[in-house]
Amino acid sequence: MVGVVATATATVVAHLIPVTRRGEGLGYFGVSTSLATAIGPFIGILMIQRTDFDVILIFCTSISVVCFFVGLMLRVPELSHEQRAVSDAGFRFGNLLERQVIPVCTVMLLTGVFYSSVLSYLNIYAIEKGLADAASFFFMVYAVTVLVSRPFAGRMMDSRGANMIMYPSLVLMGVGLACLGLAQSALVLLAGAVFLGLGFGSVQICIQAIVIKMVEPDRIGLATSTFFIFVDAGLGFGPYLLGLLVPYLGYGDLYLLLGILSVMSVLLYHLMHGAQERKRLPTP
């Protein structure tokens, strides 16, 4: 259900935002999801320390009920004739994935794998380094950075194009992962949170905006679904794949390797979308 709700909500938001401000609008929307993924684990850790899982499940169920009633108050745009035709077209591969956005979504898949290392291994790595207290604030620092940066990134994307955001963001993500690999103090660890917020936070919302802009309005839902499939695949399969490397590299060297690969993924983005994006920009 989480996947269904995330896709449906993002599609509704994309339809409501004016075309010329999609990057900025998705930036604001992305802030809400980033805050949820940061505040949620923080509250969860506090509750685990003070209560049991029954209380946590009751708390989560209560929030779900509140969200249900809030959802009933939303004004969702009606489907056009073309959108109904897409949704009623039957079960085919072409109705599950939007083919023309797959190349740029592979960049999202790769960066999702990189970021999954943070979600899965940061706490273990921080304990190993004696930085457990700093790690408890890592996602809060990440969330604040995203909260401040994403609206500006979206606005810049609308005015200057996606490449202006994507190229430096992939490099910043690499710097953030390298900070984790080199962390010997709380300051360096939290600096990694800032760089990852600027990097991965901007990459995610930028690729989502790219995907929506690449398709016709009646294909936005399918393109959004494709985007989230690749996001979830990266975050879901990443820990398993990276876990195969941990016995050989250790967590520190793994983060350094991922930092290097993140910087190198600039070339992948350029080949998959950046070169075409540059051609579409008006010449000054």
Protein backbone atom coordinates (compact mmCIF):
# COMPACT_ATOMS: atom_id res chain seq x y z
CA MET A 1 0.00 0.00 0.00
CA VAL A 2 2.89 2.38 0.66
CA GLY A 3 3.98 2.04 -2.97
CA VAL A 4 0.45 2.68 -4.23
CA VAL A 5 -0.06 5.74 -2.04
CA ALA A 6 3.36 7.22 -2.88
CA THR A 7 2.81 6.84 -6.62
CA ALA A 8 -0.76 8.14 -6.54
CA THR A 9 0.13 11.15 -4.38
CA ALA A 10 3.12 12.11 -6.53
CA THR A 11 0.99 11.81 -9.68
CA VAL A 12 -1.72 14.06 -8.25
CA VAL A 13 0.89 16.62 -7.21
CA ALA A 14 2.47 16.55 -10.68
CA HIS A 15 -0.90 17.29 -12.29
CA LEU A 16 -1.61 20.17 -9.91
CA ILE A 17 1.74 21.95 -10.40
CA PRO A 18 2.07 24.33 -13.38
CA VAL A 19 4.41 22.95 -16.05
CA THR A 20 6.83 25.87 -15.77
CA ARG A 21 7.21 25.36 -11.99
CA ARG A 22 7.30 21.57 -11.77
CA GLY A 23 10.85 21.46 -10.41
CA GLU A 24 10.04 23.96 -7.65
CA GLY A 25 6.70 22.32 -6.84
CA LEU A 26 8.18 18.84 -6.63
CA GLY A 27 10.91 20.31 -4.45
CA TYR A 28 8.32 21.38 -1.89
CA PHE A 29 6.57 18.02 -2.18
CA GLY A 30 9.88 16.22 -1.74
CA VAL A 31 10.54 18.11 1.47
CA SER A 32 7.50 16.46 3.06
CA THR A 33 8.65 12.94 2.15
CA SER A 34 12.21 13.61 3.29
CA LEU A 35 11.03 14.98 6.62
CA ALA A 36 8.89 11.88 7.10
CA THR A 37 11.79 9.51 6.43
CA ALA A 38 13.99 11.46 8.83
CA ILE A 39 11.53 12.17 11.65
CA GLY A 40 10.01 8.68 11.48
CA PRO A 41 13.20 6.76 12.37
CA PHE A 42 14.06 9.36 15.00
CA ILE A 43 10.67 8.90 16.74
CA GLY A 44 10.93 5.13 16.24
CA ILE A 45 14.29 4.94 18.00
CA LEU A 46 12.98 6.99 20.93
CA MET A 47 9.89 4.79 21.22
CA ILE A 48 11.91 1.57 21.07
CA GLN A 49 14.01 2.85 23.97
CA ARG A 50 10.95 3.75 26.09
CA THR A 51 8.07 1.48 25.01
CA ASP A 52 7.38 -1.85 23.31
CA PHE A 53 6.38 -2.76 19.77
CA ASP A 54 2.66 -2.96 20.61
CA VAL A 55 2.64 0.75 21.45
CA ILE A 56 4.60 1.55 18.28
CA LEU A 57 2.13 -0.39 16.12
CA ILE A 58 -0.84 1.34 17.75
CA PHE A 59 0.83 4.71 17.18
CA CYS A 60 1.47 3.94 13.50
CA THR A 61 -2.08 2.65 13.02
CA SER A 62 -3.47 5.85 14.53
CA ILE A 63 -1.42 7.95 12.12
CA SER A 64 -2.68 5.82 9.20
CA VAL A 65 -6.29 6.45 10.25
CA VAL A 66 -5.65 10.19 10.42
CA CYS A 67 -4.06 10.09 6.95
CA PHE A 68 -7.09 8.21 5.62
CA PHE A 69 -9.49 10.95 6.73
CA VAL A 70 -7.18 13.68 5.49
CA GLY A 71 -7.08 11.89 2.13
CA LEU A 72 -10.86 12.03 1.91
CA MET A 73 -10.63 15.83 1.93
CA LEU A 74 -8.24 16.01 -1.03
CA ARG A 75 -9.54 17.34 -4.33
CA VAL A 76 -8.10 14.99 -6.93
CA PRO A 77 -8.30 16.03 -10.62
CA GLU A 78 -10.60 13.94 -12.77
CA LEU A 79 -9.00 11.58 -15.29
CA SER A 80 -8.99 12.74 -18.88
CA HIS A 81 -10.16 10.49 -21.72
CA GLU A 82 -6.51 9.71 -22.60
CA GLN A 83 -5.65 8.82 -18.99
CA ARG A 84 -8.63 6.45 -18.78
CA ALA A 85 -7.47 4.82 -21.99
CA VAL A 86 -4.03 4.19 -20.48
CA SER A 87 -5.44 2.79 -17.24
CA ASP A 88 -7.89 0.51 -19.09
CA ALA A 89 -5.41 -0.73 -21.69
CA GLY A 90 -4.87 -4.11 -20.03
CA PHE A 91 -1.85 -5.96 -18.64
CA ARG A 92 1.24 -5.44 -20.82
CA PHE A 93 4.87 -4.61 -20.13
CA GLY A 94 4.36 -1.21 -21.73
CA ASN A 95 1.62 -0.50 -19.20
CA LEU A 96 3.89 -1.27 -16.25
CA LEU A 97 6.94 0.81 -17.19
CA GLU A 98 7.29 4.00 -19.20
CA ARG A 99 10.07 3.00 -21.59
CA GLN A 100 11.34 6.45 -22.50
CA VAL A 101 12.18 7.33 -18.87
CA ILE A 102 14.01 4.07 -18.09
CA PRO A 103 17.48 5.40 -19.07
CA VAL A 104 17.41 8.32 -16.64
CA CYS A 105 15.77 6.13 -14.00
CA THR A 106 18.82 3.86 -14.08
CA VAL A 107 20.74 6.77 -12.56
CA MET A 108 18.13 6.88 -9.80
CA LEU A 109 18.52 3.13 -9.33
CA LEU A 110 22.27 3.47 -8.93
CA THR A 111 22.13 6.40 -6.51
CA GLY A 112 19.45 4.53 -4.56
CA VAL A 113 21.89 1.65 -4.13
CA PHE A 114 24.53 4.10 -2.89
CA TYR A 115 22.17 5.73 -0.39
CA SER A 116 20.87 2.37 0.85
CA SER A 117 24.28 1.90 2.47
CA VAL A 118 23.49 4.83 4.73
CA LEU A 119 20.04 3.55 5.67
CA SER A 120 21.29 0.02 6.38
CA TYR A 121 24.81 0.28 7.77
CA LEU A 122 25.25 3.75 9.27
CA ASN A 123 24.22 2.77 12.80
CA ILE A 124 26.48 -0.31 12.87
CA TYR A 125 29.36 1.68 11.39
CA ALA A 126 28.89 4.55 13.86
CA ILE A 127 28.95 2.16 16.83
CA GLU A 128 32.11 0.61 15.43
CA LYS A 129 33.65 4.09 15.24
CA GLY A 130 32.35 5.18 18.66
CA LEU A 131 30.08 7.78 17.07
CA ALA A 132 26.68 6.37 18.01
CA ASP A 133 25.51 9.62 19.62
CA ALA A 134 26.32 11.61 16.47
CA ALA A 135 24.61 9.00 14.31
CA SER A 136 21.34 9.54 16.20
CA PHE A 137 21.29 13.11 14.81
CA PHE A 138 22.47 12.16 11.32
CA PHE A 139 19.04 11.93 9.69
CA MET A 140 17.82 15.08 11.42
CA VAL A 141 20.74 17.01 9.93
CA TYR A 142 20.02 15.37 6.58
CA ALA A 143 16.34 16.37 6.82
CA VAL A 144 17.11 20.00 7.69
CA THR A 145 19.53 20.21 4.77
CA VAL A 146 16.90 18.83 2.40
CA LEU A 147 14.27 21.16 3.84
CA VAL A 148 16.43 24.18 3.06
CA SER A 149 17.94 23.09 -0.26
CA ARG A 150 15.22 21.29 -2.23
CA PRO A 151 12.97 24.28 -2.98
CA PHE A 152 15.98 26.25 -4.24
CA ALA A 153 17.17 23.28 -6.29
CA GLY A 154 13.74 22.89 -7.87
CA ARG A 155 13.54 26.58 -8.70
CA MET A 156 16.99 26.51 -10.27
CA MET A 157 16.06 23.45 -12.30
CA ASP A 158 13.03 25.27 -13.72
CA SER A 159 15.12 28.27 -14.74
CA ARG A 160 18.50 26.73 -15.64
CA GLY A 161 17.73 23.13 -16.57
CA ALA A 162 18.28 19.75 -14.91
CA ASN A 163 22.00 19.53 -15.67
CA MET A 164 22.70 22.54 -13.48
CA ILE A 165 21.44 20.47 -10.53
CA MET A 166 22.36 16.91 -11.45
CA TYR A 167 26.08 17.24 -12.18
CA PRO A 168 27.06 18.98 -8.91
CA SER A 169 24.56 16.94 -6.87
CA LEU A 170 26.13 13.64 -7.90
CA VAL A 171 29.54 15.02 -6.92
CA LEU A 172 28.20 16.30 -3.58
CA MET A 173 26.70 12.90 -2.90
CA GLY A 174 30.13 11.37 -3.52
CA VAL A 175 31.69 13.84 -1.09
CA GLY A 176 29.08 12.94 1.52
CA LEU A 177 29.76 9.22 1.21
CA ALA A 178 33.51 9.88 1.37
CA CYS A 179 32.98 11.86 4.59
CA LEU A 180 31.35 8.79 6.10
CA GLY A 181 34.24 6.62 5.00
CA LEU A 182 36.77 8.99 6.55
CA ALA A 183 34.75 9.87 9.66
CA GLN A 184 36.79 9.91 12.84
CA SER A 185 34.70 12.55 14.60
CA ALA A 186 31.08 13.58 14.96
CA LEU A 187 31.75 16.72 12.91
CA VAL A 188 32.88 14.79 9.85
CA LEU A 189 30.01 12.32 10.18
CA LEU A 190 27.43 15.11 10.32
CA ALA A 191 29.17 16.91 7.46
CA GLY A 192 28.45 13.75 5.48
CA ALA A 193 24.75 14.23 6.32
CA VAL A 194 24.86 17.77 4.93
CA PHE A 195 26.55 16.76 1.68
CA LEU A 196 24.20 13.80 1.24
CA GLY A 197 21.22 16.07 1.81
CA LEU A 198 22.49 18.45 -0.85
CA GLY A 199 23.43 15.58 -3.15
CA PHE A 200 21.01 12.68 -2.94
CA GLY A 201 18.14 14.93 -1.85
CA SER A 202 18.50 17.02 -4.99
CA VAL A 203 19.16 14.06 -7.30
CA GLN A 204 15.95 12.35 -6.25
CA ILE A 205 13.66 15.31 -6.79
CA CYS A 206 15.45 16.38 -9.98
CA ILE A 207 15.09 12.98 -11.66
CA GLN A 208 11.44 12.85 -10.64
CA ALA A 209 10.88 16.22 -12.33
CA ILE A 210 12.82 15.08 -15.40
CA VAL A 211 10.66 11.97 -15.69
CA ILE A 212 7.43 13.97 -15.50
CA LYS A 213 8.61 16.52 -18.06
CA MET A 214 9.63 13.83 -20.54
CA VAL A 215 6.13 12.37 -21.02
CA GLU A 216 2.71 13.54 -22.15
CA PRO A 217 0.22 14.46 -19.41
CA ASP A 218 -1.71 11.21 -19.85
CA ARG A 219 1.50 9.23 -19.15
CA ILE A 220 2.55 11.05 -15.97
CA GLY A 221 1.10 8.36 -13.70
CA LEU A 222 2.96 5.59 -15.50
CA ALA A 223 6.20 7.60 -15.57
CA THR A 224 5.89 8.33 -11.85
CA SER A 225 5.29 4.65 -11.15
CA THR A 226 8.40 3.76 -13.16
CA PHE A 227 10.43 6.27 -11.18
CA PHE A 228 9.35 4.81 -7.83
CA ILE A 229 9.96 1.25 -9.03
CA PHE A 230 13.59 2.16 -9.70
CA VAL A 231 13.88 4.07 -6.41
CA ASP A 232 12.53 1.14 -4.42
CA ALA A 233 14.68 -1.34 -6.34
CA GLY A 234 17.82 0.61 -5.48
CA LEU A 235 16.94 1.06 -1.82
CA GLY A 236 15.63 -2.50 -1.52
CA PHE A 237 18.28 -4.56 -3.31
CA GLY A 238 21.17 -2.24 -2.42
CA PRO A 239 21.75 -3.52 1.14
CA TYR A 240 21.91 -7.13 -0.08
CA LEU A 241 24.34 -6.35 -2.91
CA LEU A 242 26.54 -4.09 -0.81
CA GLY A 243 26.45 -6.58 2.05
CA LEU A 244 28.42 -8.96 -0.15
CA LEU A 245 31.27 -6.42 -0.19
CA VAL A 246 31.33 -5.61 3.53
CA PRO A 247 33.36 -8.71 4.58
CA TYR A 248 36.08 -7.76 2.10
CA LEU A 249 36.12 -3.96 2.41
CA GLY A 250 34.65 -3.08 5.78
CA TYR A 251 32.18 -0.23 6.17
CA GLY A 252 34.69 2.61 5.89
CA ASP A 253 36.23 1.49 2.62
CA LEU A 254 32.77 0.63 1.28
CA TYR A 255 31.65 4.22 1.80
CA LEU A 256 34.82 5.49 0.13
CA LEU A 257 34.23 3.21 -2.86
CA LEU A 258 30.61 4.35 -3.15
CA GLY A 259 31.76 7.96 -2.99
CA ILE A 260 34.08 7.40 -5.95
CA LEU A 261 31.34 5.58 -7.88
CA SER A 262 28.91 8.41 -7.17
CA VAL A 263 31.26 10.94 -8.74
CA MET A 264 31.80 8.61 -11.69
CA SER A 265 28.02 8.31 -12.16
CA VAL A 266 28.15 11.84 -13.58
CA LEU A 267 29.26 10.16 -16.80
CA LEU A 268 26.33 7.73 -16.68
CA TYR A 269 23.87 10.58 -16.24
CA HIS A 270 25.47 12.47 -19.11
CA LEU A 271 25.09 9.48 -21.41
CA MET A 272 21.55 8.61 -20.28
CA HIS A 273 20.06 12.10 -20.24
CA GLY A 274 22.46 14.99 -19.68
CA ALA A 275 23.59 15.27 -23.30
CA GLN A 276 19.99 15.36 -24.57
CA GLU A 277 18.99 17.84 -21.85
CA ARG A 278 21.75 20.18 -22.96
CA LYS A 279 20.52 20.09 -26.55
CA ARG A 280 16.99 21.02 -25.47
CA LEU A 281 18.12 24.12 -23.57
CA PRO A 282 17.70 27.40 -25.45
CA THR A 283 20.96 29.02 -26.52
CA PRO A 284 21.68 32.34 -24.82
